[in-house]
PDB file of N, CA and C in Angstrom:
ATOM      1  N   MET A   1      -8.590  -2.147  20.167  1.00  0.00           N
ATOM      2  CA  MET A   1      -9.935  -2.592  19.852  1.00  0.00           C
ATOM      3  C   MET A   1      -9.847  -3.907  19.104  1.00  0.00           C
ATOM      4  N   LEU A   2     -10.881  -4.294  18.467  1.00  0.00           N
ATOM      5  CA  LEU A   2     -10.923  -5.553  17.743  1.00  0.00           C
ATOM      6  C   LEU A   2      -9.970  -5.544  16.559  1.00  0.00           C
ATOM      7  N   PHE A   3      -9.366  -6.705  16.304  1.00  0.00           N
ATOM      8  CA  PHE A   3      -8.390  -6.782  15.217  1.00  0.00           C
ATOM      9  C   PHE A   3      -8.990  -6.358  13.886  1.00  0.00           C
ATOM     10  N   LEU A   4     -10.142  -6.920  13.555  1.00  0.00           N
ATOM     11  CA  LEU A   4     -10.710  -6.603  12.243  1.00  0.00           C
ATOM     12  C   LEU A   4     -11.067  -5.134  12.144  1.00  0.00           C
ATOM     13  N   LEU A   5     -11.605  -4.578  13.196  1.00  0.00           N
ATOM     14  CA  LEU A   5     -11.922  -3.156  13.156  1.00  0.00           C
ATOM     15  C   LEU A   5     -10.652  -2.337  13.001  1.00  0.00           C
ATOM     16  N   SER A   6      -9.594  -2.751  13.679  1.00  0.00           N
ATOM     17  CA  SER A   6      -8.306  -2.071  13.517  1.00  0.00           C
ATOM     18  C   SER A   6      -7.803  -2.227  12.096  1.00  0.00           C
ATOM     19  N   PHE A   7      -7.952  -3.432  11.573  1.00  0.00           N
ATOM     20  CA  PHE A   7      -7.520  -3.703  10.204  1.00  0.00           C
ATOM     21  C   PHE A   7      -8.330  -2.853   9.227  1.00  0.00           C
ATOM     22  N   LEU A   8      -9.646  -2.775   9.451  1.00  0.00           N
ATOM     23  CA  LEU A   8     -10.495  -1.964   8.587  1.00  0.00           C
ATOM     24  C   LEU A   8     -10.108  -0.491   8.673  1.00  0.00           C
ATOM     25  N   PHE A   9      -9.847  -0.020   9.878  1.00  0.00           N
ATOM     26  CA  PHE A   9      -9.439   1.372  10.047  1.00  0.00           C
ATOM     27  C   PHE A   9      -8.126   1.637   9.318  1.00  0.00           C
ATOM     28  N   PHE A  10      -7.201   0.707   9.433  1.00  0.00           N
ATOM     29  CA  PHE A  10      -5.918   0.825   8.741  1.00  0.00           C
ATOM     30  C   PHE A  10      -6.126   0.900   7.232  1.00  0.00           C
ATOM     31  N   LEU A  11      -7.070   0.114   6.742  1.00  0.00           N
ATOM     32  CA  LEU A  11      -7.287   0.044   5.304  1.00  0.00           C
ATOM     33  C   LEU A  11      -8.123   1.197   4.753  1.00  0.00           C
ATOM     34  N   ALA A  12      -8.979   1.778   5.585  1.00  0.00           N
ATOM     35  CA  ALA A  12      -9.934   2.772   5.085  1.00  0.00           C
ATOM     36  C   ALA A  12      -9.410   4.191   5.237  1.00  0.00           C
ATOM     37  N   ASN A  13      -9.080   4.804   4.129  1.00  0.00           N
ATOM     38  CA  ASN A  13      -8.686   6.214   4.167  1.00  0.00           C
ATOM     39  C   ASN A  13      -9.384   7.007   3.072  1.00  0.00           C
ATOM     40  N   SER A  14      -9.187   6.680   1.800  1.00  0.00           N
ATOM     41  CA  SER A  14      -9.909   7.350   0.719  1.00  0.00           C
ATOM     42  C   SER A  14      -9.642   6.653  -0.600  1.00  0.00           C
ATOM     43  N   GLY A  15     -10.465   6.977  -1.627  1.00  0.00           N
ATOM     44  CA  GLY A  15     -10.208   6.453  -2.959  1.00  0.00           C
ATOM     45  C   GLY A  15     -11.307   5.577  -3.509  1.00  0.00           C
ATOM     46  N   GLU A  16     -11.053   4.968  -4.637  1.00  0.00           N
ATOM     47  CA  GLU A  16     -12.011   4.137  -5.349  1.00  0.00           C
ATOM     48  C   GLU A  16     -11.500   2.701  -5.430  1.00  0.00           C
ATOM     49  N   ALA A  17     -12.413   1.765  -5.683  1.00  0.00           N
ATOM     50  CA  ALA A  17     -12.094   0.342  -5.702  1.00  0.00           C
ATOM     51  C   ALA A  17     -10.930   0.026  -6.621  1.00  0.00           C
ATOM     52  N   ALA A  18      -9.924  -0.609  -6.070  1.00  0.00           N
ATOM     53  CA  ALA A  18      -8.759  -0.981  -6.850  1.00  0.00           C
ATOM     54  C   ALA A  18      -8.408  -2.445  -6.645  1.00  0.00           C
ATOM     55  N   VAL A  19      -8.805  -3.034  -5.527  1.00  0.00           N
ATOM     56  CA  VAL A  19      -8.553  -4.441  -5.235  1.00  0.00           C
ATOM     57  C   VAL A  19      -9.874  -5.187  -5.401  1.00  0.00           C
ATOM     58  N   PRO A  20      -9.911  -6.194  -6.274  1.00  0.00           N
ATOM     59  CA  PRO A  20     -11.167  -6.927  -6.507  1.00  0.00           C
ATOM     60  C   PRO A  20     -11.659  -7.667  -5.259  1.00  0.00           C
ATOM     61  N   TYR A  21     -12.977  -7.761  -5.112  1.00  0.00           N
ATOM     62  CA  TYR A  21     -13.562  -8.502  -3.996  1.00  0.00           C
ATOM     63  C   TYR A  21     -13.050  -9.934  -3.974  1.00  0.00           C
ATOM     64  N   THR A  22     -12.827 -10.521  -5.135  1.00  0.00           N
ATOM     65  CA  THR A  22     -12.356 -11.905  -5.173  1.00  0.00           C
ATOM     66  C   THR A  22     -11.003 -12.050  -4.488  1.00  0.00           C
ATOM     67  N   THR A  23     -10.162 -11.052  -4.604  1.00  0.00           N
ATOM     68  CA  THR A  23      -8.856 -11.080  -3.939  1.00  0.00           C
ATOM     69  C   THR A  23      -9.033 -11.004  -2.432  1.00  0.00           C
ATOM     70  N   VAL A  24      -9.901 -10.117  -1.988  1.00  0.00           N
ATOM     71  CA  VAL A  24     -10.163  -9.969  -0.555  1.00  0.00           C
ATOM     72  C   VAL A  24     -10.778 -11.254  -0.014  1.00  0.00           C
ATOM     73  N   ASP A  25     -11.787 -11.760  -0.699  1.00  0.00           N
ATOM     74  CA  ASP A  25     -12.457 -12.982  -0.256  1.00  0.00           C
ATOM     75  C   ASP A  25     -11.485 -14.153  -0.158  1.00  0.00           C
ATOM     76  N   ALA A  26     -10.651 -14.318  -1.161  1.00  0.00           N
ATOM     77  CA  ALA A  26      -9.704 -15.434  -1.179  1.00  0.00           C
ATOM     78  C   ALA A  26      -8.723 -15.354  -0.016  1.00  0.00           C
ATOM     79  N   ASN A  27      -8.286 -14.154   0.314  1.00  0.00           N
ATOM     80  CA  ASN A  27      -7.293 -13.996   1.375  1.00  0.00           C
ATOM     81  C   ASN A  27      -7.889 -14.024   2.777  1.00  0.00           C
ATOM     82  N   ALA A  28      -9.133 -13.643   2.925  1.00  0.00           N
ATOM     83  CA  ALA A  28      -9.760 -13.603   4.249  1.00  0.00           C
ATOM     84  C   ALA A  28     -10.610 -14.837   4.546  1.00  0.00           C
ATOM     85  N   ALA A  29     -10.852 -15.676   3.565  1.00  0.00           N
ATOM     86  CA  ALA A  29     -11.752 -16.820   3.725  1.00  0.00           C
ATOM     87  C   ALA A  29     -11.345 -17.768   4.846  1.00  0.00           C
ATOM     88  N   ALA A  30     -10.064 -17.965   5.042  1.00  0.00           N
ATOM     89  CA  ALA A  30      -9.602 -18.901   6.065  1.00  0.00           C
ATOM     90  C   ALA A  30      -9.927 -18.426   7.482  1.00  0.00           C
ATOM     91  N   CYS A  31     -10.301 -17.174   7.637  1.00  0.00           N
ATOM     92  CA  CYS A  31     -10.640 -16.626   8.964  1.00  0.00           C
ATOM     93  C   CYS A  31     -12.112 -16.832   9.311  1.00  0.00           C
ATOM     94  N   LEU A  32     -12.903 -17.238   8.365  1.00  0.00           N
ATOM     95  CA  LEU A  32     -14.346 -17.309   8.563  1.00  0.00           C
ATOM     96  C   LEU A  32     -14.754 -18.245   9.693  1.00  0.00           C
ATOM     97  N   GLY A  33     -14.176 -19.426   9.757  1.00  0.00           N
ATOM     98  CA  GLY A  33     -14.536 -20.368  10.813  1.00  0.00           C
ATOM     99  C   GLY A  33     -14.325 -19.796  12.201  1.00  0.00           C
ATOM    100  N   PHE A  34     -13.204 -19.157  12.407  1.00  0.00           N
ATOM    101  CA  PHE A  34     -12.915 -18.558  13.710  1.00  0.00           C
ATOM    102  C   PHE A  34     -13.785 -17.335  13.959  1.00  0.00           C
ATOM    103  N   ALA A  35     -13.936 -16.486  12.958  1.00  0.00           N
ATOM    104  CA  ALA A  35     -14.680 -15.232  13.121  1.00  0.00           C
ATOM    105  C   ALA A  35     -16.166 -15.459  13.381  1.00  0.00           C
ATOM    106  N   THR A  36     -16.678 -16.626  13.017  1.00  0.00           N
ATOM    107  CA  THR A  36     -18.082 -16.945  13.276  1.00  0.00           C
ATOM    108  C   THR A  36     -18.255 -17.827  14.506  1.00  0.00           C
ATOM    109  N   GLY A  37     -17.154 -18.172  15.162  1.00  0.00           N
ATOM    110  CA  GLY A  37     -17.224 -18.980  16.369  1.00  0.00           C
ATOM    111  C   GLY A  37     -17.237 -20.469  16.132  1.00  0.00           C
ATOM    112  N   MET A  38     -16.989 -20.911  14.908  1.00  0.00           N
ATOM    113  CA  MET A  38     -17.026 -22.333  14.590  1.00  0.00           C
ATOM    114  C   MET A  38     -15.669 -23.015  14.783  1.00  0.00           C
ATOM    115  N   ALA A  39     -14.607 -22.259  14.910  1.00  0.00           N
ATOM    116  CA  ALA A  39     -13.273 -22.816  15.151  1.00  0.00           C
ATOM    117  C   ALA A  39     -12.739 -22.224  16.452  1.00  0.00           C
ATOM    118  N   ALA A  40     -11.974 -23.014  17.182  1.00  0.00           N
ATOM    119  CA  ALA A  40     -11.471 -22.589  18.488  1.00  0.00           C
ATOM    120  C   ALA A  40     -10.404 -21.511  18.402  1.00  0.00           C
ATOM    121  N   LYS A  41      -9.660 -21.482  17.311  1.00  0.00           N
ATOM    122  CA  LYS A  41      -8.603 -20.483  17.163  1.00  0.00           C
ATOM    123  C   LYS A  41      -8.399 -20.175  15.685  1.00  0.00           C
ATOM    124  N   PRO A  42      -7.837 -19.012  15.384  1.00  0.00           N
ATOM    125  CA  PRO A  42      -7.571 -18.684  13.977  1.00  0.00           C
ATOM    126  C   PRO A  42      -6.462 -19.583  13.440  1.00  0.00           C
ATOM    127  N   SER A  43      -6.627 -20.028  12.231  1.00  0.00           N
ATOM    128  CA  SER A  43      -5.628 -20.900  11.617  1.00  0.00           C
ATOM    129  C   SER A  43      -4.444 -20.093  11.112  1.00  0.00           C
ATOM    130  N   SER A  44      -3.361 -20.781  10.848  1.00  0.00           N
ATOM    131  CA  SER A  44      -2.205 -20.093  10.262  1.00  0.00           C
ATOM    132  C   SER A  44      -2.570 -19.581   8.875  1.00  0.00           C
ATOM    133  N   ALA A  45      -3.475 -20.280   8.189  1.00  0.00           N
ATOM    134  CA  ALA A  45      -3.925 -19.823   6.869  1.00  0.00           C
ATOM    135  C   ALA A  45      -4.668 -18.494   6.985  1.00  0.00           C
ATOM    136  N   CYS A  46      -5.390 -18.303   8.076  1.00  0.00           N
ATOM    137  CA  CYS A  46      -6.080 -17.032   8.318  1.00  0.00           C
ATOM    138  C   CYS A  46      -5.060 -15.907   8.437  1.00  0.00           C
ATOM    139  N   CYS A  47      -4.085 -16.105   9.297  1.00  0.00           N
ATOM    140  CA  CYS A  47      -3.057 -15.070   9.504  1.00  0.00           C
ATOM    141  C   CYS A  47      -2.271 -14.810   8.223  1.00  0.00           C
ATOM    142  N   ASP A  48      -1.914 -15.879   7.528  1.00  0.00           N
ATOM    143  CA  ASP A  48      -1.175 -15.729   6.269  1.00  0.00           C
ATOM    144  C   ASP A  48      -1.999 -14.969   5.238  1.00  0.00           C
ATOM    145  N   GLY A  49      -3.285 -15.297   5.157  1.00  0.00           N
ATOM    146  CA  GLY A  49      -4.159 -14.632   4.199  1.00  0.00           C
ATOM    147  C   GLY A  49      -4.295 -13.146   4.470  1.00  0.00           C
ATOM    148  N   LEU A  50      -4.431 -12.778   5.740  1.00  0.00           N
ATOM    149  CA  LEU A  50      -4.541 -11.361   6.084  1.00  0.00           C
ATOM    150  C   LEU A  50      -3.231 -10.625   5.829  1.00  0.00           C
ATOM    151  N   GLN A  51      -2.113 -11.296   6.058  1.00  0.00           N
ATOM    152  CA  GLN A  51      -0.819 -10.683   5.750  1.00  0.00           C
ATOM    153  C   GLN A  51      -0.679 -10.466   4.246  1.00  0.00           C
ATOM    154  N   GLN A  52      -1.091 -11.458   3.457  1.00  0.00           N
ATOM    155  CA  GLN A  52      -1.037 -11.310   1.996  1.00  0.00           C
ATOM    156  C   GLN A  52      -1.959 -10.190   1.539  1.00  0.00           C
ATOM    157  N   LEU A  53      -3.119 -10.107   2.142  1.00  0.00           N
ATOM    158  CA  LEU A  53      -4.061  -9.049   1.790  1.00  0.00           C
ATOM    159  C   LEU A  53      -3.457  -7.680   2.089  1.00  0.00           C
ATOM    160  N   ALA A  54      -2.841  -7.540   3.239  1.00  0.00           N
ATOM    161  CA  ALA A  54      -2.204  -6.266   3.594  1.00  0.00           C
ATOM    162  C   ALA A  54      -1.091  -5.908   2.605  1.00  0.00           C
ATOM    163  N   GLN A  55      -0.418  -6.916   2.064  1.00  0.00           N
ATOM    164  CA  GLN A  55       0.660  -6.664   1.106  1.00  0.00           C
ATOM    165  C   GLN A  55       0.146  -6.231  -0.265  1.00  0.00           C
ATOM    166  N   THR A  56      -1.138  -6.452  -0.545  1.00  0.00           N
ATOM    167  CA  THR A  56      -1.690  -6.036  -1.840  1.00  0.00           C
ATOM    168  C   THR A  56      -1.961  -4.541  -1.889  1.00  0.00           C
ATOM    169  N   VAL A  57      -1.949  -3.905  -0.722  1.00  0.00           N
ATOM    170  CA  VAL A  57      -2.255  -2.475  -0.642  1.00  0.00           C
ATOM    171  C   VAL A  57      -1.133  -1.664  -1.271  1.00  0.00           C
ATOM    172  N   LYS A  58      -1.488  -0.951  -2.326  1.00  0.00           N
ATOM    173  CA  LYS A  58      -0.527  -0.097  -3.020  1.00  0.00           C
ATOM    174  C   LYS A  58      -0.918   1.375  -2.923  1.00  0.00           C
ATOM    175  N   SER A  59      -2.156   1.626  -2.531  1.00  0.00           N
ATOM    176  CA  SER A  59      -2.646   3.004  -2.510  1.00  0.00           C
ATOM    177  C   SER A  59      -3.785   3.136  -1.501  1.00  0.00           C
ATOM    178  N   VAL A  60      -4.171   4.353  -1.274  1.00  0.00           N
ATOM    179  CA  VAL A  60      -5.311   4.634  -0.407  1.00  0.00           C
ATOM    180  C   VAL A  60      -6.573   4.038  -1.022  1.00  0.00           C
ATOM    181  N   GLU A  61      -6.653   4.050  -2.334  1.00  0.00           N
ATOM    182  CA  GLU A  61      -7.813   3.470  -3.022  1.00  0.00           C
ATOM    183  C   GLU A  61      -7.917   1.978  -2.720  1.00  0.00           C
ATOM    184  N   ASP A  62      -6.785   1.300  -2.695  1.00  0.00           N
ATOM    185  CA  ASP A  62      -6.774  -0.124  -2.356  1.00  0.00           C
ATOM    186  C   ASP A  62      -7.304  -0.340  -0.941  1.00  0.00           C
ATOM    187  N   LYS A  63      -6.886   0.499  -0.021  1.00  0.00           N
ATOM    188  CA  LYS A  63      -7.329   0.378   1.367  1.00  0.00           C
ATOM    189  C   LYS A  63      -8.841   0.495   1.482  1.00  0.00           C
ATOM    190  N   LYS A  64      -9.414   1.453   0.788  1.00  0.00           N
ATOM    191  CA  LYS A  64     -10.874   1.634   0.844  1.00  0.00           C
ATOM    192  C   LYS A  64     -11.604   0.472   0.198  1.00  0.00           C
ATOM    193  N   ALA A  65     -11.078  -0.025  -0.904  1.00  0.00           N
ATOM    194  CA  ALA A  65     -11.721  -1.148  -1.588  1.00  0.00           C
ATOM    195  C   ALA A  65     -11.748  -2.378  -0.690  1.00  0.00           C
ATOM    196  N   ILE A  66     -10.643  -2.660  -0.040  1.00  0.00           N
ATOM    197  CA  ILE A  66     -10.568  -3.807   0.861  1.00  0.00           C
ATOM    198  C   ILE A  66     -11.510  -3.612   2.044  1.00  0.00           C
ATOM    199  N   CYS A  67     -11.533  -2.434   2.586  1.00  0.00           N
ATOM    200  CA  CYS A  67     -12.408  -2.131   3.714  1.00  0.00           C
ATOM    201  C   CYS A  67     -13.875  -2.353   3.352  1.00  0.00           C
ATOM    202  N   ARG A  68     -14.291  -1.849   2.207  1.00  0.00           N
ATOM    203  CA  ARG A  68     -15.688  -2.024   1.775  1.00  0.00           C
ATOM    204  C   ARG A  68     -16.028  -3.499   1.640  1.00  0.00           C
ATOM    205  N   CYS A  69     -15.144  -4.246   1.054  1.00  0.00           N
ATOM    206  CA  CYS A  69     -15.401  -5.670   0.858  1.00  0.00           C
ATOM    207  C   CYS A  69     -15.520  -6.394   2.200  1.00  0.00           C
ATOM    208  N   LEU A  70     -14.614  -6.105   3.120  1.00  0.00           N
ATOM    209  CA  LEU A  70     -14.657  -6.753   4.429  1.00  0.00           C
ATOM    210  C   LEU A  70     -15.914  -6.379   5.205  1.00  0.00           C
ATOM    211  N   LYS A  71     -16.360  -5.151   5.090  1.00  0.00           N
ATOM    212  CA  LYS A  71     -17.581  -4.721   5.779  1.00  0.00           C
ATOM    213  C   LYS A  71     -18.795  -5.469   5.247  1.00  0.00           C
ATOM    214  N   VAL A  72     -18.894  -5.602   3.940  1.00  0.00           N
ATOM    215  CA  VAL A  72     -20.011  -6.327   3.329  1.00  0.00           C
ATOM    216  C   VAL A  72     -19.988  -7.781   3.785  1.00  0.00           C
ATOM    217  N   GLY A  73     -18.819  -8.389   3.735  1.00  0.00           N
ATOM    218  CA  GLY A  73     -18.691  -9.783   4.152  1.00  0.00           C
ATOM    219  C   GLY A  73     -19.029  -9.984   5.615  1.00  0.00           C
ATOM    220  N   ALA A  74     -18.578  -9.090   6.469  1.00  0.00           N
ATOM    221  CA  ALA A  74     -18.825  -9.216   7.905  1.00  0.00           C
ATOM    222  C   ALA A  74     -20.315  -9.156   8.214  1.00  0.00           C
ATOM    223  N   LYS A  75     -21.026  -8.281   7.542  1.00  0.00           N
ATOM    224  CA  LYS A  75     -22.471  -8.152   7.766  1.00  0.00           C
ATOM    225  C   LYS A  75     -23.217  -9.405   7.336  1.00  0.00           C
ATOM    226  N   SER A  76     -22.872  -9.935   6.187  1.00  0.00           N
ATOM    227  CA  SER A  76     -23.654 -11.023   5.611  1.00  0.00           C
ATOM    228  C   SER A  76     -23.277 -12.407   6.134  1.00  0.00           C
ATOM    229  N   LEU A  77     -22.142 -12.545   6.806  1.00  0.00           N
ATOM    230  CA  LEU A  77     -21.669 -13.872   7.203  1.00  0.00           C
ATOM    231  C   LEU A  77     -21.770 -14.170   8.696  1.00  0.00           C
ATOM    232  N   GLY A  78     -22.332 -13.268   9.458  1.00  0.00           N
ATOM    233  CA  GLY A  78     -22.490 -13.515  10.886  1.00  0.00           C
ATOM    234  C   GLY A  78     -21.193 -13.464  11.675  1.00  0.00           C
ATOM    235  N   ILE A  79     -20.308 -12.571  11.290  1.00  0.00           N
ATOM    236  CA  ILE A  79     -19.034 -12.411  11.987  1.00  0.00           C
ATOM    237  C   ILE A  79     -19.299 -11.925  13.412  1.00  0.00           C
ATOM    238  N   GLN A  80     -18.621 -12.513  14.375  1.00  0.00           N
ATOM    239  CA  GLN A  80     -18.790 -12.145  15.781  1.00  0.00           C
ATOM    240  C   GLN A  80     -17.564 -11.369  16.256  1.00  0.00           C
ATOM    241  N   ASP A  81     -17.790 -10.122  16.655  1.00  0.00           N
ATOM    242  CA  ASP A  81     -16.706  -9.237  17.080  1.00  0.00           C
ATOM    243  C   ASP A  81     -15.838  -9.839  18.179  1.00  0.00           C
ATOM    244  N   ARG A  82     -16.437 -10.589  19.073  1.00  0.00           N
ATOM    245  CA  ARG A  82     -15.664 -11.108  20.210  1.00  0.00           C
ATOM    246  C   ARG A  82     -14.546 -12.044  19.781  1.00  0.00           C
ATOM    247  N   PHE A  83     -14.667 -12.646  18.605  1.00  0.00           N
ATOM    248  CA  PHE A  83     -13.609 -13.528  18.119  1.00  0.00           C
ATOM    249  C   PHE A  83     -12.540 -12.768  17.342  1.00  0.00           C
ATOM    250  N   LEU A  84     -12.930 -11.679  16.722  1.00  0.00           N
ATOM    251  CA  LEU A  84     -11.995 -10.942  15.872  1.00  0.00           C
ATOM    252  C   LEU A  84     -10.821 -10.368  16.646  1.00  0.00           C
ATOM    253  N   SER A  85     -11.050  -9.970  17.879  1.00  0.00           N
ATOM    254  CA  SER A  85      -9.963  -9.387  18.669  1.00  0.00           C
ATOM    255  C   SER A  85      -8.895 -10.417  19.015  1.00  0.00           C
ATOM    256  N   ARG A  86      -9.202 -11.685  18.828  1.00  0.00           N
ATOM    257  CA  ARG A  86      -8.242 -12.741  19.141  1.00  0.00           C
ATOM    258  C   ARG A  86      -7.401 -13.158  17.941  1.00  0.00           C
ATOM    259  N   ILE A  87      -7.657 -12.580  16.772  1.00  0.00           N
ATOM    260  CA  ILE A  87      -6.816 -12.870  15.607  1.00  0.00           C
ATOM    261  C   ILE A  87      -5.522 -12.088  15.791  1.00  0.00           C
ATOM    262  N   PRO A  88      -4.384 -12.772  15.777  1.00  0.00           N
ATOM    263  CA  PRO A  88      -3.107 -12.075  16.007  1.00  0.00           C
ATOM    264  C   PRO A  88      -2.844 -10.990  14.975  1.00  0.00           C
ATOM    265  N   ARG A  89      -2.168  -9.950  15.413  1.00  0.00           N
ATOM    266  CA  ARG A  89      -1.771  -8.875  14.499  1.00  0.00           C
ATOM    267  C   ARG A  89      -0.548  -9.304  13.721  1.00  0.00           C
ATOM    268  N   ALA A  90      -0.472  -8.824  12.493  1.00  0.00           N
ATOM    269  CA  ALA A  90       0.674  -9.158  11.639  1.00  0.00           C
ATOM    270  C   ALA A  90       1.908  -8.413  12.096  1.00  0.00           C
TER     271      ALA A  90
END
């Protein structure tokens, strides 16, 4: 399925917020241009940021916190699913 949805599924299991939204935002921000259709391809900074974000996960609580943040951001920023599936997997 779509990369971001797969990433969200990977991150979402159970627990309480442990990773601050600012950390998620900082690491995923470079993907915004591509995810909204404004850039032709995801940048290396996008891939690097998502890899760094995945490395911050220490617990199930971290996974849920990151998932919640990404869901809120996706809704409010006009993320287009058709572009997310083209972001390479780590």
